[in-house]
Protein backbone atom coordinates (compact mmCIF):
# COMPACT_ATOMS: atom_id res chain seq x y z
CA MET A 1 144.12 53.85 327.39
CA ASN A 2 141.13 51.52 327.74
CA HIS A 3 143.48 48.55 327.74
CA VAL A 4 145.31 49.97 330.74
CA PHE A 5 141.97 50.37 332.54
CA ASP A 6 141.15 46.73 331.72
CA LEU A 7 144.41 45.66 333.33
CA ILE A 8 143.98 47.89 336.39
CA GLY A 9 140.39 46.66 336.83
CA ARG A 10 141.50 43.02 336.65
CA ILE A 11 144.26 43.70 339.19
CA LEU A 12 141.89 45.41 341.63
CA ILE A 13 139.11 42.84 341.39
CA SER A 14 141.49 39.89 341.65
CA ALA A 15 143.08 41.49 344.74
CA ILE A 16 139.80 41.06 346.62
CA PHE A 17 139.78 37.33 345.98
CA ILE A 18 143.50 36.85 346.64
CA PHE A 19 143.05 38.63 349.97
CA GLU A 20 140.02 36.44 350.75
CA ALA A 21 142.05 33.29 350.03
CA ILE A 22 145.01 34.43 352.15
CA ASP A 23 142.65 35.38 354.97
CA GLY A 24 141.03 31.95 354.76
CA ILE A 25 144.44 30.27 355.03
CA MET A 26 145.76 32.44 357.85
CA PHE A 27 142.59 32.33 359.92
CA ALA A 28 141.27 28.87 359.01
CA GLU A 29 140.08 28.01 362.51
CA LYS A 30 138.31 31.33 362.96
CA THR A 31 136.75 30.93 359.51
CA LYS A 32 135.43 27.49 360.50
CA MET A 33 133.95 28.98 363.69
CA THR A 34 132.27 31.65 361.55
CA MET A 35 130.94 28.94 359.24
CA THR A 36 129.41 27.25 362.28
CA GLU A 37 127.76 30.54 363.33
CA TYR A 38 126.15 30.73 359.88
CA GLY A 39 124.87 27.16 360.13
CA ILE A 40 127.40 25.54 357.81
CA HIS A 41 128.36 22.32 359.58
CA TRP A 42 128.79 19.86 356.71
CA GLN A 43 132.42 19.10 355.80
CA GLN A 44 133.85 22.44 356.89
CA ASP A 45 137.43 21.50 356.00
CA LEU A 46 136.41 20.39 352.52
CA LEU A 47 134.35 23.51 351.91
CA LEU A 48 137.01 25.85 353.29
CA TYR A 49 139.99 24.42 351.42
CA THR A 50 138.04 23.90 348.20
CA SER A 51 136.92 27.51 348.29
CA ILE A 52 140.50 28.67 348.96
CA VAL A 53 141.75 26.71 345.94
CA ALA A 54 138.91 28.07 343.77
CA LEU A 55 139.66 31.61 344.94
CA ILE A 56 143.37 31.32 344.20
CA ILE A 57 142.93 29.69 340.79
CA GLY A 58 140.13 32.05 339.76
CA ALA A 59 141.93 35.17 340.98
CA VAL A 60 145.22 34.24 339.30
CA MET A 61 143.44 33.44 336.04
CA LEU A 62 141.69 36.79 336.23
CA LEU A 63 144.88 38.61 337.15
CA ILE A 64 147.04 37.24 334.35
CA GLY A 65 144.24 37.18 331.81
CA TYR A 66 144.29 33.49 330.97
CA ARG A 67 141.02 31.58 330.56
CA ILE A 68 139.22 34.47 332.22
CA ARG A 69 135.71 33.09 331.80
CA PHE A 70 136.62 29.89 333.64
CA GLY A 71 138.29 31.92 336.39
CA VAL A 72 135.26 34.20 336.69
CA TRP A 73 132.91 31.21 337.04
CA LEU A 74 135.11 29.74 339.76
CA LEU A 75 134.94 33.03 341.63
CA LEU A 76 131.20 33.46 341.14
CA ILE A 77 130.45 29.92 342.32
CA TYR A 78 132.05 30.95 345.60
CA TRP A 79 131.07 34.64 345.77
CA ILE A 80 127.31 34.50 345.13
CA PRO A 81 126.39 31.88 347.79
CA VAL A 82 128.70 33.45 350.36
CA THR A 83 127.12 36.85 349.72
CA PHE A 84 123.61 35.50 350.28
CA ILE A 85 124.65 33.57 353.40
CA VAL A 86 126.78 36.21 355.13
CA TYR A 87 124.89 39.36 354.18
CA SER A 88 121.28 38.20 354.38
CA PHE A 89 120.24 41.62 355.64
CA TRP A 90 116.54 40.78 355.34
CA ASN A 91 117.00 38.35 358.28
CA ASP A 92 119.24 40.61 360.37
CA PRO A 93 118.33 42.73 363.35
CA VAL A 94 117.58 46.37 362.57
CA ALA A 95 120.91 47.48 364.07
CA THR A 96 122.95 45.63 361.40
CA GLN A 97 120.44 45.61 358.57
CA ARG A 98 121.65 48.78 356.85
CA LEU A 99 125.35 47.84 356.96
CA HIS A 100 124.69 44.33 355.68
CA ALA A 101 122.49 45.70 352.90
CA ILE A 102 125.35 47.95 351.76
CA LEU A 103 127.86 45.07 351.93
CA PHE A 104 125.42 42.80 350.09
CA MET A 105 125.05 45.34 347.28
CA LYS A 106 128.84 45.80 347.13
CA ASN A 107 129.29 42.08 346.62
CA ILE A 108 126.58 42.02 343.97
CA ALA A 109 128.36 44.90 342.19
CA ILE A 110 131.62 42.91 342.29
CA ALA A 111 129.76 39.96 340.75
CA GLY A 112 128.51 42.32 338.04
CA GLY A 113 132.05 43.48 337.39
CA LEU A 114 133.18 39.87 337.07
CA LEU A 115 130.41 39.20 334.55
CA MET A 116 131.46 42.25 332.53
CA ILE A 117 135.05 41.02 332.47
CA ALA A 118 133.84 37.59 331.34
CA ALA A 119 131.77 39.18 328.58
CA HIS A 120 134.50 41.48 327.27
CA GLY A 121 137.62 39.40 327.92
CA GLY A 122 140.94 40.40 329.39
CA GLY A 123 141.89 43.12 326.96
CA LYS A 124 145.20 43.80 325.30
CA TYR A 125 147.36 43.12 328.35
CA SER A 126 146.50 39.50 329.03
CA ILE A 127 148.28 36.19 328.63
CA GLN A 128 145.44 34.91 326.45
CA ARG A 129 146.01 37.73 323.98
CA LEU A 130 149.72 37.01 323.98
CA PHE A 131 148.96 33.47 322.82
CA VAL A 132 146.59 34.72 320.13
CA VAL A 133 148.91 37.31 318.60
CA SER A 134 152.08 35.20 318.83
CA LYS A 135 152.76 33.47 315.57
CA ILE A 136 154.58 30.19 315.81
CA PRO A 137 156.59 29.63 312.65
CA HIS A 138 155.38 26.77 310.56
CA ILE A 139 158.11 24.35 309.38
CA ASP A 140 157.45 22.79 305.99
CA ASP A 141 158.95 19.40 305.29
């Protein structure tokens, strides 16, 4: 049963990043305006589309269970800085401080979940495991 939970956990966590990538594609102009509001002016197109590619690759790798550690690092390279930039509750007005603190901690918890997946692997239901347990017949000459 734990293997099923591994699969469900990977599906749920990767869904967050797939949604984030789709949102970034669909609302690219709005996302660039938001980047400007947060003081990110340098190469917005490069940053936006690079992050979308990293999100898609990392989320798919996590979802299918192939090279999970690489996928997790791609996601964390995006997720951690964005969390500290967007939800810097310590700089926010009192009215939004509590909400941003909760959202900040949620994102940190997601990062912790990603690290746990990286540490423990994809479980039984992953493409990586399929490659490991599949035996390719050896042909002797």
